Amino acid sequence: MNGSFDLLHAGHLYIIHQASLQADCLLVALNSDESIRRYKSPNRPIISLKDRLELVAALEFVDYVTWFEQTDPRQLLAKICPDVHTNGVEYGAQCIEADTVRQGGGRLHLVERIDGLATSAIVEKIQRCG
């Protein structure tokens, strides 16, 4: 699976754990800091790539962690050819990764989002408290 996993929270842990249940070996690919700035905001990430790599690598159910510089993971997925690629259901069965994963012989596994557990919602809550 892939993502920015910036400001790691319980929603991230849930989807990463669900991905681990689909695989014998779980590889999590993180967007680089620069790619997050390009596709999210010049003010992001909140947590640096180095620290995000350490946080995700510390999770017992993650086998390998890497990163990629592109704003989307299709180039990386074409090289890896995963058997299963996990994504949030909000991106849908026709997400940008879908064709690449299927062309490599894999399938998508979509996971429901937990309400209220989004980085943007957490940032807004922090700002209200400040």
C-alpha atoms as a PDB file:
ATOM      1  CA  MET A   1       0.000   0.000   0.000  1.00  0.00           C
ATOM      2  CA  ASN A   2       1.015   3.604  -0.283  1.00  0.00           C
ATOM      3  CA  GLY A   3       0.233   6.997   1.160  1.00  0.00           C
ATOM      4  CA  SER A   4       1.717  10.016   2.799  1.00  0.00           C
ATOM      5  CA  PHE A   5       0.765   8.910   6.342  1.00  0.00           C
ATOM      6  CA  ASP A   6       1.527  12.417   7.533  1.00  0.00           C
ATOM      7  CA  LEU A   7       0.675  12.908  11.189  1.00  0.00           C
ATOM      8  CA  LEU A   8       0.184   9.170  11.711  1.00  0.00           C
ATOM      9  CA  HIS A   9      -3.114   8.498  13.507  1.00  0.00           C
ATOM     10  CA  ALA A  10      -5.531   5.673  14.369  1.00  0.00           C
ATOM     11  CA  GLY A  11      -7.187   5.826  10.932  1.00  0.00           C
ATOM     12  CA  HIS A  12      -3.810   5.208   9.304  1.00  0.00           C
ATOM     13  CA  LEU A  13      -3.119   2.346  11.704  1.00  0.00           C
ATOM     14  CA  TYR A  14      -6.468   0.788  10.841  1.00  0.00           C
ATOM     15  CA  ILE A  15      -5.939   0.810   7.056  1.00  0.00           C
ATOM     16  CA  ILE A  16      -2.323  -0.357   7.354  1.00  0.00           C
ATOM     17  CA  HIS A  17      -3.417  -3.213   9.621  1.00  0.00           C
ATOM     18  CA  GLN A  18      -6.210  -4.144   7.202  1.00  0.00           C
ATOM     19  CA  ALA A  19      -3.620  -4.223   4.408  1.00  0.00           C
ATOM     20  CA  SER A  20      -1.446  -6.545   6.491  1.00  0.00           C
ATOM     21  CA  LEU A  21      -4.320  -9.017   6.751  1.00  0.00           C
ATOM     22  CA  GLN A  22      -4.358  -9.289   2.941  1.00  0.00           C
ATOM     23  CA  ALA A  23      -0.691 -10.103   2.515  1.00  0.00           C
ATOM     24  CA  ASP A  24       2.079 -12.451   3.534  1.00  0.00           C
ATOM     25  CA  CYS A  25       4.460  -9.507   3.189  1.00  0.00           C
ATOM     26  CA  LEU A  26       3.372  -5.898   3.586  1.00  0.00           C
ATOM     27  CA  LEU A  27       5.309  -3.131   1.829  1.00  0.00           C
ATOM     28  CA  VAL A  28       4.229   0.419   2.653  1.00  0.00           C
ATOM     29  CA  ALA A  29       5.429   3.097   0.224  1.00  0.00           C
ATOM     30  CA  LEU A  30       5.408   6.689   1.484  1.00  0.00           C
ATOM     31  CA  ASN A  31       5.221   9.830  -0.603  1.00  0.00           C
ATOM     32  CA  SER A  32       8.383  11.906  -0.281  1.00  0.00           C
ATOM     33  CA  ASP A  33       8.165  15.316   1.362  1.00  0.00           C
ATOM     34  CA  GLU A  34       8.448  17.049  -2.015  1.00  0.00           C
ATOM     35  CA  SER A  35       5.687  14.960  -3.589  1.00  0.00           C
ATOM     36  CA  ILE A  36       3.383  15.802  -0.657  1.00  0.00           C
ATOM     37  CA  ARG A  37       4.129  19.509  -1.128  1.00  0.00           C
ATOM     38  CA  ARG A  38       3.236  19.149  -4.824  1.00  0.00           C
ATOM     39  CA  TYR A  39      -0.078  17.357  -4.379  1.00  0.00           C
ATOM     40  CA  LYS A  40      -1.313  18.516  -0.962  1.00  0.00           C
ATOM     41  CA  SER A  41       0.106  21.873   0.091  1.00  0.00           C
ATOM     42  CA  PRO A  42       3.370  23.811   0.317  1.00  0.00           C
ATOM     43  CA  ASN A  43       2.807  23.706   4.107  1.00  0.00           C
ATOM     44  CA  ARG A  44       2.888  19.907   4.266  1.00  0.00           C
ATOM     45  CA  PRO A  45       4.085  17.441   5.321  1.00  0.00           C
ATOM     46  CA  ILE A  46       3.764  18.040   9.017  1.00  0.00           C
ATOM     47  CA  ILE A  47       6.081  15.113   9.779  1.00  0.00           C
ATOM     48  CA  SER A  48       9.268  14.659   7.707  1.00  0.00           C
ATOM     49  CA  LEU A  49       9.823  11.602   5.504  1.00  0.00           C
ATOM     50  CA  LYS A  50      12.617  10.387   7.786  1.00  0.00           C
ATOM     51  CA  ASP A  51      10.304  10.412  10.791  1.00  0.00           C
ATOM     52  CA  ARG A  52       7.331   8.967   8.879  1.00  0.00           C
ATOM     53  CA  LEU A  53       9.547   6.107   7.674  1.00  0.00           C
ATOM     54  CA  GLU A  54      10.587   5.381  11.261  1.00  0.00           C
ATOM     55  CA  LEU A  55       7.014   5.525  12.549  1.00  0.00           C
ATOM     56  CA  VAL A  56       5.642   3.153   9.899  1.00  0.00           C
ATOM     57  CA  ALA A  57       8.648   0.803  10.159  1.00  0.00           C
ATOM     58  CA  ALA A  58       7.995   0.496  13.899  1.00  0.00           C
ATOM     59  CA  LEU A  59       4.581  -1.052  13.269  1.00  0.00           C
ATOM     60  CA  GLU A  60       4.675  -4.768  14.013  1.00  0.00           C
ATOM     61  CA  PHE A  61       2.501  -5.675  11.020  1.00  0.00           C
ATOM     62  CA  VAL A  62       4.649  -3.814   8.436  1.00  0.00           C
ATOM     63  CA  ASP A  63       7.424  -5.822   6.801  1.00  0.00           C
ATOM     64  CA  TYR A  64       9.067  -3.202   4.571  1.00  0.00           C
ATOM     65  CA  VAL A  65       8.876   0.557   4.122  1.00  0.00           C
ATOM     66  CA  THR A  66      10.079   2.612   1.174  1.00  0.00           C
ATOM     67  CA  TRP A  67       9.298   5.948  -0.451  1.00  0.00           C
ATOM     68  CA  PHE A  68       8.705   7.397  -3.884  1.00  0.00           C
ATOM     69  CA  GLU A  69       9.160  10.865  -5.379  1.00  0.00           C
ATOM     70  CA  GLN A  70       6.171  10.944  -7.730  1.00  0.00           C
ATOM     71  CA  THR A  71       2.821  12.405  -6.724  1.00  0.00           C
ATOM     72  CA  ASP A  72       1.142   9.081  -7.462  1.00  0.00           C
ATOM     73  CA  PRO A  73       2.386   5.507  -7.035  1.00  0.00           C
ATOM     74  CA  ARG A  74       1.681   4.025 -10.476  1.00  0.00           C
ATOM     75  CA  GLN A  75       5.321   3.912 -11.600  1.00  0.00           C
ATOM     76  CA  LEU A  76       6.333   2.158  -8.374  1.00  0.00           C
ATOM     77  CA  LEU A  77       3.391  -0.251  -8.546  1.00  0.00           C
ATOM     78  CA  ALA A  78       4.312  -1.181 -12.121  1.00  0.00           C
ATOM     79  CA  LYS A  79       7.752  -2.255 -10.827  1.00  0.00           C
ATOM     80  CA  ILE A  80       6.472  -4.081  -7.733  1.00  0.00           C
ATOM     81  CA  CYS A  81       3.441  -5.822  -9.318  1.00  0.00           C
ATOM     82  CA  PRO A  82       1.718  -6.407  -5.975  1.00  0.00           C
ATOM     83  CA  ASP A  83      -0.696  -9.300  -5.571  1.00  0.00           C
ATOM     84  CA  VAL A  84      -2.923  -6.957  -3.544  1.00  0.00           C
ATOM     85  CA  HIS A  85      -2.988  -3.182  -3.319  1.00  0.00           C
ATOM     86  CA  THR A  86      -4.928  -1.691  -0.420  1.00  0.00           C
ATOM     87  CA  ASN A  87      -6.579   1.689  -0.700  1.00  0.00           C
ATOM     88  CA  GLY A  88      -9.277   3.664   1.072  1.00  0.00           C
ATOM     89  CA  VAL A  89     -12.794   3.024  -0.195  1.00  0.00           C
ATOM     90  CA  GLU A  90     -13.160   6.775  -0.756  1.00  0.00           C
ATOM     91  CA  TYR A  91     -10.846   6.419  -3.774  1.00  0.00           C
ATOM     92  CA  GLY A  92     -13.069   3.722  -5.287  1.00  0.00           C
ATOM     93  CA  ALA A  93     -12.529   0.656  -7.443  1.00  0.00           C
ATOM     94  CA  GLN A  94     -11.430   2.867 -10.339  1.00  0.00           C
ATOM     95  CA  CYS A  95      -8.753   4.750  -8.371  1.00  0.00           C
ATOM     96  CA  ILE A  96      -5.660   5.875 -10.298  1.00  0.00           C
ATOM     97  CA  GLU A  97      -3.786   2.748  -9.197  1.00  0.00           C
ATOM     98  CA  ALA A  98      -6.467   0.277 -10.375  1.00  0.00           C
ATOM     99  CA  ASP A  99      -5.344  -0.341 -13.962  1.00  0.00           C
ATOM    100  CA  THR A 100      -1.666  -0.604 -13.012  1.00  0.00           C
ATOM    101  CA  VAL A 101      -2.393  -3.121 -10.253  1.00  0.00           C
ATOM    102  CA  ARG A 102      -4.668  -5.219 -12.487  1.00  0.00           C
ATOM    103  CA  GLN A 103      -2.200  -5.139 -15.387  1.00  0.00           C
ATOM    104  CA  GLY A 104       0.399  -6.590 -13.017  1.00  0.00           C
ATOM    105  CA  GLY A 105      -1.980  -9.404 -12.078  1.00  0.00           C
ATOM    106  CA  GLY A 106      -3.022  -7.939  -8.738  1.00  0.00           C
ATOM    107  CA  ARG A 107      -6.290  -6.944  -7.150  1.00  0.00           C
ATOM    108  CA  LEU A 108      -7.508  -3.983  -5.139  1.00  0.00           C
ATOM    109  CA  HIS A 109      -8.618  -4.272  -1.541  1.00  0.00           C
ATOM    110  CA  LEU A 110     -10.667  -1.267  -0.413  1.00  0.00           C
ATOM    111  CA  VAL A 111     -10.968  -0.351   3.260  1.00  0.00           C
ATOM    112  CA  GLU A 112     -13.696   1.796   4.824  1.00  0.00           C
ATOM    113  CA  ARG A 113     -12.600   5.074   6.372  1.00  0.00           C
ATOM    114  CA  ILE A 114     -13.247   5.637  10.069  1.00  0.00           C
ATOM    115  CA  ASP A 115     -15.328   8.799  10.490  1.00  0.00           C
ATOM    116  CA  GLY A 116     -13.503  11.696  12.081  1.00  0.00           C
ATOM    117  CA  LEU A 117     -10.060  10.183  11.581  1.00  0.00           C
ATOM    118  CA  ALA A 118      -8.495  12.246   8.835  1.00  0.00           C
ATOM    119  CA  THR A 119      -5.311  14.270   9.114  1.00  0.00           C
ATOM    120  CA  SER A 120      -7.092  17.408   7.899  1.00  0.00           C
ATOM    121  CA  ALA A 121      -9.773  17.023  10.604  1.00  0.00           C
ATOM    122  CA  ILE A 122      -7.102  16.525  13.267  1.00  0.00           C
ATOM    123  CA  VAL A 123      -5.184  19.609  12.074  1.00  0.00           C
ATOM    124  CA  GLU A 124      -8.401  21.679  12.172  1.00  0.00           C
ATOM    125  CA  LYS A 125      -9.119  20.467  15.707  1.00  0.00           C
ATOM    126  CA  ILE A 126      -5.604  21.405  16.822  1.00  0.00           C
ATOM    127  CA  GLN A 127      -5.968  24.854  15.257  1.00  0.00           C
ATOM    128  CA  ARG A 128      -9.281  25.421  17.078  1.00  0.00           C
ATOM    129  CA  CYS A 129      -7.632  24.503  20.379  1.00  0.00           C
ATOM    130  CA  GLY A 130      -4.699  26.877  19.798  1.00  0.00           C
END
